[in-house]
């Protein structure tokens, strides 16, 4: 299951259920039955025939630590991060103006998640980071991004300076 991870938080799980429900393998909750927001998520999961497990809050805490999981987590496919070759394809085949966010040196999950959330709100088409010295797209980053990470395209490149030159040559 190296291609899967536990994601948590209502907005994150809701976003995956809306955008790519097939990416969720199962949902775990410890929420009381009268929690409307979680009940709605569970209805969405049931509609997609996703297994649901009711477990204790302690078990959820063990899976995700002290994160604010909101009593729900899901085993989901990790977000795909594309490489330089795919970025070249995107740039060469652009049909419209591209708005790209290039992030250098952001290592904090909260800052990275906020950048993703803001980028989506600004209409960014893709986010480019460097392979080394950048935050990874972790479950915590996905939670902080409040569902925006599921709708964003990500690229990791080896050399940002070279990538910026490529983008400049392509008219971006």
N, C-alpha and C. Protein backbone atom coordinates (compact mmCIF):
# COMPACT_ATOMS: atom_id res chain seq x y z
N UNK A 1 0.81 -1.19 0.00
CA UNK A 1 0.00 0.00 0.00
C UNK A 1 0.85 1.26 0.00
N UNK A 2 2.00 1.22 -0.61
CA UNK A 2 2.88 2.39 -0.63
C UNK A 2 2.30 3.53 -1.45
N UNK A 3 1.29 3.26 -2.26
CA UNK A 3 0.66 4.31 -3.04
C UNK A 3 -0.57 4.88 -2.32
N UNK A 4 -0.80 4.43 -1.09
CA UNK A 4 -1.94 4.90 -0.30
C UNK A 4 -1.45 5.52 1.00
N UNK A 5 -2.30 6.39 1.55
CA UNK A 5 -2.00 7.01 2.83
C UNK A 5 -3.32 7.37 3.51
N UNK A 6 -3.25 7.56 4.82
CA UNK A 6 -4.43 7.99 5.55
C UNK A 6 -4.54 9.50 5.45
N UNK A 7 -5.65 9.97 4.88
CA UNK A 7 -5.94 11.40 4.86
C UNK A 7 -7.01 11.67 5.89
N UNK A 8 -7.08 12.90 6.34
CA UNK A 8 -8.02 13.21 7.42
C UNK A 8 -8.56 14.61 7.28
N UNK A 9 -9.65 14.84 7.97
CA UNK A 9 -10.31 16.14 7.92
C UNK A 9 -11.50 16.12 6.97
N UNK A 10 -12.55 16.78 7.38
CA UNK A 10 -13.80 16.76 6.63
C UNK A 10 -13.63 17.31 5.22
N UNK A 11 -13.02 18.49 5.07
CA UNK A 11 -12.90 19.10 3.74
C UNK A 11 -12.04 18.26 2.80
N UNK A 12 -10.97 17.70 3.33
CA UNK A 12 -10.08 16.89 2.50
C UNK A 12 -10.79 15.67 1.97
N UNK A 13 -11.44 14.94 2.85
CA UNK A 13 -12.13 13.71 2.45
C UNK A 13 -13.31 14.04 1.53
N UNK A 14 -14.03 15.10 1.84
CA UNK A 14 -15.15 15.51 1.00
C UNK A 14 -14.68 15.84 -0.42
N UNK A 15 -13.56 16.52 -0.51
CA UNK A 15 -13.01 16.87 -1.82
C UNK A 15 -12.65 15.64 -2.63
N UNK A 16 -12.02 14.67 -2.01
CA UNK A 16 -11.65 13.44 -2.72
C UNK A 16 -12.92 12.68 -3.13
N UNK A 17 -13.91 12.63 -2.24
CA UNK A 17 -15.16 11.94 -2.58
C UNK A 17 -15.86 12.60 -3.76
N UNK A 18 -15.75 13.91 -3.87
CA UNK A 18 -16.37 14.63 -4.99
C UNK A 18 -15.56 14.50 -6.27
N UNK A 19 -14.23 14.66 -6.16
CA UNK A 19 -13.37 14.72 -7.34
C UNK A 19 -12.92 13.36 -7.86
N UNK A 20 -12.50 12.48 -6.96
CA UNK A 20 -11.99 11.16 -7.35
C UNK A 20 -12.40 10.11 -6.33
N UNK A 21 -13.68 9.79 -6.26
CA UNK A 21 -14.14 8.84 -5.23
C UNK A 21 -13.45 7.48 -5.32
N UNK A 22 -13.02 7.09 -6.51
CA UNK A 22 -12.33 5.82 -6.66
C UNK A 22 -10.97 5.78 -5.99
N UNK A 23 -10.46 6.94 -5.59
CA UNK A 23 -9.17 7.00 -4.91
C UNK A 23 -9.27 6.62 -3.43
N UNK A 24 -10.48 6.53 -2.90
CA UNK A 24 -10.65 6.18 -1.49
C UNK A 24 -10.97 4.70 -1.37
N UNK A 25 -10.18 4.02 -0.56
CA UNK A 25 -10.36 2.58 -0.37
C UNK A 25 -11.29 2.26 0.79
N UNK A 26 -11.21 3.06 1.87
CA UNK A 26 -12.12 2.89 3.01
C UNK A 26 -12.10 4.15 3.87
N UNK A 27 -13.16 4.31 4.64
CA UNK A 27 -13.31 5.46 5.54
C UNK A 27 -13.44 4.93 6.96
N UNK A 28 -12.78 5.61 7.89
CA UNK A 28 -12.84 5.27 9.30
C UNK A 28 -13.37 6.47 10.06
N UNK A 29 -14.26 6.24 11.01
CA UNK A 29 -14.78 7.34 11.80
C UNK A 29 -15.01 6.93 13.23
N UNK A 30 -14.91 7.92 14.10
CA UNK A 30 -15.25 7.73 15.51
C UNK A 30 -16.28 8.79 15.92
N UNK A 31 -16.86 9.45 14.94
CA UNK A 31 -17.79 10.55 15.21
C UNK A 31 -19.13 10.01 15.70
N UNK A 32 -19.79 10.79 16.55
CA UNK A 32 -21.14 10.40 16.96
C UNK A 32 -22.09 10.42 15.77
N UNK A 33 -23.11 9.60 15.82
CA UNK A 33 -24.05 9.46 14.70
C UNK A 33 -24.78 10.76 14.37
N UNK A 34 -24.86 11.69 15.32
CA UNK A 34 -25.60 12.93 15.07
C UNK A 34 -24.73 14.04 14.46
N UNK A 35 -23.50 13.74 14.12
CA UNK A 35 -22.63 14.73 13.48
C UNK A 35 -23.02 14.83 12.01
N UNK A 36 -23.73 15.92 11.66
CA UNK A 36 -24.28 16.07 10.31
C UNK A 36 -23.22 16.09 9.22
N UNK A 37 -22.13 16.81 9.44
CA UNK A 37 -21.10 16.92 8.41
C UNK A 37 -20.49 15.56 8.09
N UNK A 38 -20.21 14.80 9.13
CA UNK A 38 -19.63 13.48 8.91
C UNK A 38 -20.68 12.52 8.37
N UNK A 39 -21.92 12.64 8.81
CA UNK A 39 -23.00 11.81 8.27
C UNK A 39 -23.13 12.01 6.76
N UNK A 40 -23.01 13.25 6.32
CA UNK A 40 -23.07 13.54 4.88
C UNK A 40 -21.90 12.88 4.14
N UNK A 41 -20.72 12.93 4.74
CA UNK A 41 -19.56 12.27 4.11
C UNK A 41 -19.78 10.75 4.02
N UNK A 42 -20.33 10.19 5.07
CA UNK A 42 -20.56 8.75 5.08
C UNK A 42 -21.60 8.35 4.04
N UNK A 43 -22.60 9.20 3.83
CA UNK A 43 -23.58 8.94 2.78
C UNK A 43 -22.92 8.95 1.41
N UNK A 44 -22.02 9.92 1.20
CA UNK A 44 -21.29 9.98 -0.07
C UNK A 44 -20.46 8.71 -0.26
N UNK A 45 -19.77 8.29 0.81
CA UNK A 45 -18.93 7.09 0.73
C UNK A 45 -19.80 5.86 0.42
N UNK A 46 -20.94 5.75 1.09
CA UNK A 46 -21.84 4.61 0.83
C UNK A 46 -22.33 4.61 -0.60
N UNK A 47 -22.62 5.80 -1.13
CA UNK A 47 -23.09 5.89 -2.52
C UNK A 47 -22.05 5.38 -3.51
N UNK A 48 -20.79 5.48 -3.12
CA UNK A 48 -19.70 4.98 -3.97
C UNK A 48 -19.22 3.60 -3.55
N UNK A 49 -19.99 2.98 -2.66
CA UNK A 49 -19.69 1.62 -2.18
C UNK A 49 -18.31 1.52 -1.53
N UNK A 50 -17.94 2.57 -0.80
CA UNK A 50 -16.67 2.59 -0.07
C UNK A 50 -16.92 2.03 1.33
N UNK A 51 -16.14 1.04 1.76
CA UNK A 51 -16.34 0.47 3.10
C UNK A 51 -16.12 1.53 4.20
N UNK A 52 -16.93 1.44 5.24
CA UNK A 52 -16.85 2.37 6.37
C UNK A 52 -16.65 1.55 7.63
N UNK A 53 -15.68 1.98 8.44
CA UNK A 53 -15.42 1.32 9.72
C UNK A 53 -15.65 2.32 10.85
N UNK A 54 -16.40 1.91 11.84
CA UNK A 54 -16.55 2.72 13.05
C UNK A 54 -15.51 2.21 14.05
N UNK A 55 -14.63 3.11 14.44
CA UNK A 55 -13.55 2.74 15.36
C UNK A 55 -13.45 3.79 16.46
N UNK A 56 -12.63 3.53 17.43
CA UNK A 56 -12.47 4.47 18.53
C UNK A 56 -11.59 5.65 18.12
N UNK A 57 -11.78 6.76 18.81
CA UNK A 57 -10.95 7.94 18.56
C UNK A 57 -9.47 7.61 18.81
N UNK A 58 -9.21 6.76 19.78
CA UNK A 58 -7.83 6.39 20.10
C UNK A 58 -7.15 5.71 18.92
N UNK A 59 -7.90 4.88 18.21
CA UNK A 59 -7.31 4.22 17.03
C UNK A 59 -7.02 5.23 15.93
N UNK A 60 -7.90 6.20 15.77
CA UNK A 60 -7.65 7.24 14.77
C UNK A 60 -6.42 8.05 15.20
N UNK A 61 -6.35 8.39 16.49
CA UNK A 61 -5.19 9.13 17.00
C UNK A 61 -3.89 8.38 16.72
N UNK A 62 -3.91 7.05 16.87
CA UNK A 62 -2.71 6.25 16.61
C UNK A 62 -2.30 6.32 15.15
N UNK A 63 -3.29 6.37 14.25
CA UNK A 63 -2.99 6.40 12.82
C UNK A 63 -2.43 7.75 12.36
N UNK A 64 -2.94 8.86 12.91
CA UNK A 64 -2.55 10.18 12.41
C UNK A 64 -1.93 11.09 13.46
N UNK A 65 -1.67 10.57 14.65
CA UNK A 65 -1.01 11.38 15.66
C UNK A 65 -1.93 12.45 16.23
N UNK A 66 -1.34 13.56 16.58
CA UNK A 66 -2.10 14.62 17.25
C UNK A 66 -2.73 15.59 16.26
N UNK A 67 -2.79 15.21 15.01
CA UNK A 67 -3.39 16.07 13.99
C UNK A 67 -4.87 16.27 14.28
N UNK A 68 -5.41 17.38 13.82
CA UNK A 68 -6.83 17.65 14.00
C UNK A 68 -7.60 16.89 12.92
N UNK A 69 -7.90 15.64 13.20
CA UNK A 69 -8.50 14.76 12.20
C UNK A 69 -10.01 14.87 12.12
N UNK A 70 -10.65 15.55 13.05
CA UNK A 70 -12.10 15.76 13.08
C UNK A 70 -12.87 14.44 13.14
N UNK A 71 -12.26 13.43 13.73
CA UNK A 71 -12.88 12.11 13.95
C UNK A 71 -13.18 11.34 12.66
N UNK A 72 -12.45 11.65 11.60
CA UNK A 72 -12.65 10.91 10.36
C UNK A 72 -11.33 10.83 9.60
N UNK A 73 -11.08 9.67 9.01
CA UNK A 73 -9.93 9.52 8.13
C UNK A 73 -10.28 8.52 7.04
N UNK A 74 -9.52 8.57 5.99
CA UNK A 74 -9.78 7.68 4.86
C UNK A 74 -8.45 7.17 4.32
N UNK A 75 -8.46 5.92 3.93
CA UNK A 75 -7.30 5.36 3.24
C UNK A 75 -7.48 5.72 1.77
N UNK A 76 -6.58 6.55 1.26
CA UNK A 76 -6.74 7.09 -0.09
C UNK A 76 -5.44 7.00 -0.87
N UNK A 77 -5.59 7.06 -2.16
CA UNK A 77 -4.44 7.09 -3.06
C UNK A 77 -3.68 8.39 -2.85
N UNK A 78 -2.36 8.30 -2.88
CA UNK A 78 -1.53 9.50 -2.77
C UNK A 78 -1.72 10.36 -4.02
N UNK A 79 -1.49 11.65 -3.87
CA UNK A 79 -1.57 12.56 -5.01
C UNK A 79 -0.39 12.31 -5.93
N UNK A 80 -0.65 12.26 -7.21
CA UNK A 80 0.40 12.05 -8.21
C UNK A 80 1.19 13.33 -8.40
N UNK A 81 2.49 13.19 -8.36
CA UNK A 81 3.39 14.32 -8.63
C UNK A 81 4.13 13.99 -9.92
N UNK A 82 4.03 14.88 -10.88
CA UNK A 82 4.61 14.65 -12.20
C UNK A 82 6.03 15.20 -12.29
N UNK A 83 6.76 14.78 -13.33
CA UNK A 83 8.16 15.18 -13.48
C UNK A 83 8.34 16.23 -14.57
N UNK A 84 9.60 16.56 -14.86
CA UNK A 84 9.93 17.58 -15.86
C UNK A 84 9.39 17.25 -17.25
N UNK A 85 9.41 15.99 -17.62
CA UNK A 85 8.92 15.60 -18.94
C UNK A 85 7.45 15.95 -19.10
N UNK A 86 6.68 15.67 -18.08
CA UNK A 86 5.24 15.98 -18.13
C UNK A 86 5.02 17.49 -18.11
N UNK A 87 5.88 18.22 -17.43
CA UNK A 87 5.78 19.68 -17.43
C UNK A 87 6.05 20.22 -18.83
N UNK A 88 7.05 19.68 -19.50
CA UNK A 88 7.35 20.08 -20.87
C UNK A 88 6.16 19.83 -21.78
N UNK A 89 5.51 18.67 -21.60
CA UNK A 89 4.31 18.35 -22.40
C UNK A 89 3.21 19.37 -22.15
N UNK A 90 2.99 19.71 -20.89
CA UNK A 90 1.94 20.69 -20.55
C UNK A 90 2.22 22.02 -21.21
N UNK A 91 3.46 22.47 -21.12
CA UNK A 91 3.83 23.78 -21.67
C UNK A 91 3.74 23.78 -23.19
N UNK A 92 4.22 22.72 -23.82
CA UNK A 92 4.22 22.65 -25.29
C UNK A 92 2.81 22.51 -25.86
N UNK A 93 1.92 21.87 -25.12
CA UNK A 93 0.57 21.64 -25.61
C UNK A 93 -0.46 22.61 -25.05
N UNK A 94 0.00 23.72 -24.52
CA UNK A 94 -0.93 24.66 -23.90
C UNK A 94 -1.89 25.24 -24.94
N UNK A 95 -3.15 25.23 -24.61
CA UNK A 95 -4.19 25.79 -25.47
C UNK A 95 -4.63 27.16 -24.97
N UNK A 96 -4.24 27.47 -23.77
CA UNK A 96 -4.64 28.72 -23.15
C UNK A 96 -3.46 29.24 -22.34
N UNK A 97 -3.62 30.41 -21.81
CA UNK A 97 -2.55 30.94 -20.96
C UNK A 97 -2.46 30.09 -19.70
N UNK A 98 -1.25 29.79 -19.34
CA UNK A 98 -1.02 29.02 -18.13
C UNK A 98 -0.62 29.94 -17.00
N UNK A 99 -1.13 29.67 -15.84
CA UNK A 99 -0.70 30.35 -14.63
C UNK A 99 -0.06 29.28 -13.75
N UNK A 100 1.25 29.39 -13.58
CA UNK A 100 2.01 28.40 -12.82
C UNK A 100 2.56 29.05 -11.56
N UNK A 101 2.54 28.31 -10.48
CA UNK A 101 3.14 28.77 -9.24
C UNK A 101 4.41 27.96 -9.02
N UNK A 102 5.55 28.67 -8.96
CA UNK A 102 6.83 28.02 -8.69
C UNK A 102 7.19 28.33 -7.25
N UNK A 103 7.36 27.28 -6.46
CA UNK A 103 7.65 27.44 -5.03
C UNK A 103 9.06 26.94 -4.77
N UNK A 104 9.87 27.79 -4.14
CA UNK A 104 11.25 27.43 -3.84
C UNK A 104 11.49 27.54 -2.35
N UNK A 105 11.91 26.46 -1.74
CA UNK A 105 12.36 26.50 -0.36
C UNK A 105 11.27 26.47 0.70
N UNK A 106 10.03 26.20 0.34
CA UNK A 106 8.98 26.09 1.35
C UNK A 106 9.03 24.67 1.90
N UNK A 107 9.37 24.55 3.16
CA UNK A 107 9.51 23.23 3.76
C UNK A 107 8.45 22.95 4.82
N UNK A 108 7.77 23.97 5.28
CA UNK A 108 6.76 23.83 6.33
C UNK A 108 5.43 23.38 5.73
N UNK A 109 4.85 22.34 6.30
CA UNK A 109 3.58 21.79 5.79
C UNK A 109 2.46 22.83 5.80
N UNK A 110 2.39 23.64 6.85
CA UNK A 110 1.33 24.65 6.94
C UNK A 110 1.48 25.69 5.84
N UNK A 111 2.70 26.13 5.61
CA UNK A 111 2.93 27.12 4.56
C UNK A 111 2.63 26.54 3.18
N UNK A 112 3.06 25.30 2.95
CA UNK A 112 2.82 24.66 1.66
C UNK A 112 1.32 24.47 1.42
N UNK A 113 0.62 24.00 2.43
CA UNK A 113 -0.83 23.82 2.31
C UNK A 113 -1.54 25.13 2.03
N UNK A 114 -1.10 26.20 2.69
CA UNK A 114 -1.69 27.52 2.45
C UNK A 114 -1.39 28.00 1.03
N UNK A 115 -0.19 27.73 0.54
CA UNK A 115 0.15 28.09 -0.85
C UNK A 115 -0.75 27.37 -1.83
N UNK A 116 -1.01 26.10 -1.59
CA UNK A 116 -1.87 25.31 -2.48
C UNK A 116 -3.29 25.87 -2.46
N UNK A 117 -3.80 26.14 -1.28
CA UNK A 117 -5.16 26.67 -1.13
C UNK A 117 -5.29 28.02 -1.85
N UNK A 118 -4.30 28.89 -1.67
CA UNK A 118 -4.32 30.21 -2.31
C UNK A 118 -4.17 30.08 -3.82
N UNK A 119 -3.30 29.18 -4.26
CA UNK A 119 -3.09 28.98 -5.69
C UNK A 119 -4.37 28.55 -6.38
N UNK A 120 -5.09 27.63 -5.77
CA UNK A 120 -6.35 27.20 -6.37
C UNK A 120 -7.33 28.36 -6.46
N UNK A 121 -7.41 29.14 -5.41
CA UNK A 121 -8.30 30.29 -5.41
C UNK A 121 -7.93 31.33 -6.46
N UNK A 122 -6.66 31.42 -6.80
CA UNK A 122 -6.17 32.40 -7.79
C UNK A 122 -6.24 31.87 -9.22
N UNK A 123 -6.63 30.61 -9.39
CA UNK A 123 -6.74 30.05 -10.74
C UNK A 123 -5.45 29.48 -11.29
N UNK A 124 -4.52 29.13 -10.43
CA UNK A 124 -3.26 28.53 -10.87
C UNK A 124 -3.54 27.17 -11.50
N UNK A 125 -2.88 26.89 -12.63
CA UNK A 125 -3.05 25.61 -13.33
C UNK A 125 -2.21 24.49 -12.73
N UNK A 126 -1.01 24.85 -12.23
CA UNK A 126 -0.11 23.82 -11.70
C UNK A 126 0.89 24.46 -10.75
N UNK A 127 1.40 23.64 -9.85
CA UNK A 127 2.40 24.07 -8.88
C UNK A 127 3.69 23.29 -9.16
N UNK A 128 4.80 24.03 -9.18
CA UNK A 128 6.11 23.44 -9.45
C UNK A 128 6.98 23.63 -8.22
N UNK A 129 7.56 22.53 -7.74
CA UNK A 129 8.50 22.59 -6.63
C UNK A 129 9.76 21.84 -7.03
N UNK A 130 10.77 22.01 -6.22
CA UNK A 130 12.03 21.31 -6.44
C UNK A 130 12.00 19.98 -5.68
N UNK A 131 12.66 18.96 -6.23
CA UNK A 131 12.66 17.65 -5.59
C UNK A 131 13.30 17.70 -4.22
N UNK A 132 14.38 18.45 -4.10
CA UNK A 132 15.08 18.54 -2.81
C UNK A 132 14.78 19.88 -2.16
N UNK A 133 14.62 19.86 -0.86
CA UNK A 133 14.45 21.10 -0.12
C UNK A 133 13.06 21.69 -0.19
N UNK A 134 12.07 20.88 -0.52
CA UNK A 134 10.69 21.36 -0.57
C UNK A 134 9.80 20.41 0.23
N UNK A 135 8.72 20.97 0.74
CA UNK A 135 7.75 20.15 1.46
C UNK A 135 7.12 19.13 0.52
N UNK A 136 6.82 17.97 1.04
CA UNK A 136 6.12 16.93 0.28
C UNK A 136 4.62 17.11 0.46
N UNK A 137 3.85 16.48 -0.41
CA UNK A 137 2.40 16.51 -0.28
C UNK A 137 2.00 15.38 0.67
N UNK A 138 1.92 15.73 1.93
CA UNK A 138 1.59 14.78 2.99
C UNK A 138 0.11 14.90 3.35
N UNK A 139 -0.40 13.97 4.14
CA UNK A 139 -1.78 14.11 4.60
C UNK A 139 -2.01 15.45 5.34
N UNK A 140 -1.03 15.90 6.10
CA UNK A 140 -1.18 17.18 6.80
C UNK A 140 -1.28 18.34 5.80
N UNK A 141 -0.47 18.31 4.76
CA UNK A 141 -0.53 19.35 3.72
C UNK A 141 -1.89 19.31 3.04
N UNK A 142 -2.38 18.11 2.75
CA UNK A 142 -3.69 17.98 2.11
C UNK A 142 -4.79 18.54 3.01
N UNK A 143 -4.70 18.31 4.29
CA UNK A 143 -5.71 18.83 5.22
C UNK A 143 -5.67 20.34 5.26
N UNK A 144 -4.47 20.91 5.35
CA UNK A 144 -4.32 22.36 5.42
C UNK A 144 -4.80 23.01 4.12
N UNK A 145 -4.60 22.33 3.01
CA UNK A 145 -5.05 22.86 1.72
C UNK A 145 -6.58 22.82 1.58
N UNK A 146 -7.26 22.19 2.51
CA UNK A 146 -8.74 22.15 2.56
C UNK A 146 -9.38 21.67 1.27
N UNK A 147 -8.81 20.65 0.67
CA UNK A 147 -9.39 20.08 -0.54
C UNK A 147 -8.78 20.60 -1.83
N UNK A 148 -8.03 21.68 -1.77
CA UNK A 148 -7.46 22.27 -2.99
C UNK A 148 -6.39 21.37 -3.61
N UNK A 149 -5.69 20.59 -2.80
CA UNK A 149 -4.63 19.73 -3.33
C UNK A 149 -5.19 18.69 -4.30
N UNK A 150 -6.43 18.27 -4.08
CA UNK A 150 -7.04 17.27 -4.94
C UNK A 150 -7.38 17.82 -6.32
N UNK A 151 -7.47 19.12 -6.44
CA UNK A 151 -7.83 19.75 -7.71
C UNK A 151 -6.64 20.41 -8.41
N UNK A 152 -5.46 20.27 -7.85
CA UNK A 152 -4.27 20.93 -8.38
C UNK A 152 -3.36 19.91 -9.06
N UNK A 153 -2.61 20.36 -10.06
CA UNK A 153 -1.59 19.52 -10.71
C UNK A 153 -0.24 19.91 -10.12
N UNK A 154 0.57 18.90 -9.78
CA UNK A 154 1.86 19.14 -9.15
C UNK A 154 3.00 18.58 -10.00
N UNK A 155 4.08 19.35 -10.04
CA UNK A 155 5.31 18.91 -10.70
C UNK A 155 6.46 19.09 -9.73
N UNK A 156 7.38 18.12 -9.73
CA UNK A 156 8.64 18.26 -9.01
C UNK A 156 9.75 18.22 -10.03
N UNK A 157 10.65 19.17 -9.94
CA UNK A 157 11.75 19.25 -10.89
C UNK A 157 13.07 19.17 -10.15
N UNK A 158 14.11 18.80 -10.88
CA UNK A 158 15.43 18.69 -10.28
C UNK A 158 16.08 20.05 -10.11
N UNK A 159 15.91 20.92 -11.10
CA UNK A 159 16.60 22.21 -11.10
C UNK A 159 15.60 23.31 -11.45
N UNK A 160 15.26 24.14 -10.47
CA UNK A 160 14.28 25.20 -10.71
C UNK A 160 14.77 26.26 -11.70
N UNK A 161 16.05 26.60 -11.63
CA UNK A 161 16.59 27.62 -12.54
C UNK A 161 16.45 27.15 -13.99
N UNK A 162 16.79 25.91 -14.24
CA UNK A 162 16.67 25.36 -15.59
C UNK A 162 15.20 25.31 -16.02
N UNK A 163 14.34 24.97 -15.11
CA UNK A 163 12.91 24.93 -15.40
C UNK A 163 12.37 26.31 -15.72
N UNK A 164 12.80 27.32 -14.99
CA UNK A 164 12.36 28.69 -15.27
C UNK A 164 12.84 29.14 -16.65
N UNK A 165 14.04 28.74 -17.02
CA UNK A 165 14.54 29.08 -18.37
C UNK A 165 13.70 28.41 -19.44
N UNK A 166 13.35 27.14 -19.22
CA UNK A 166 12.48 26.42 -20.16
C UNK A 166 11.14 27.14 -20.29
N UNK A 167 10.57 27.52 -19.18
CA UNK A 167 9.28 28.21 -19.20
C UNK A 167 9.39 29.54 -19.94
N UNK A 168 10.46 30.23 -19.72
CA UNK A 168 10.67 31.53 -20.38
C UNK A 168 10.79 31.34 -21.90
N UNK A 169 11.53 30.33 -22.33
CA UNK A 169 11.68 30.04 -23.76
C UNK A 169 10.35 29.68 -24.41
N UNK A 170 9.46 29.11 -23.61
CA UNK A 170 8.14 28.70 -24.14
C UNK A 170 7.11 29.83 -24.05
N UNK A 171 7.56 30.99 -23.64
CA UNK A 171 6.66 32.13 -23.61
C UNK A 171 5.83 32.27 -22.36
N UNK A 172 6.24 31.61 -21.33
CA UNK A 172 5.49 31.72 -20.06
C UNK A 172 6.23 32.67 -19.15
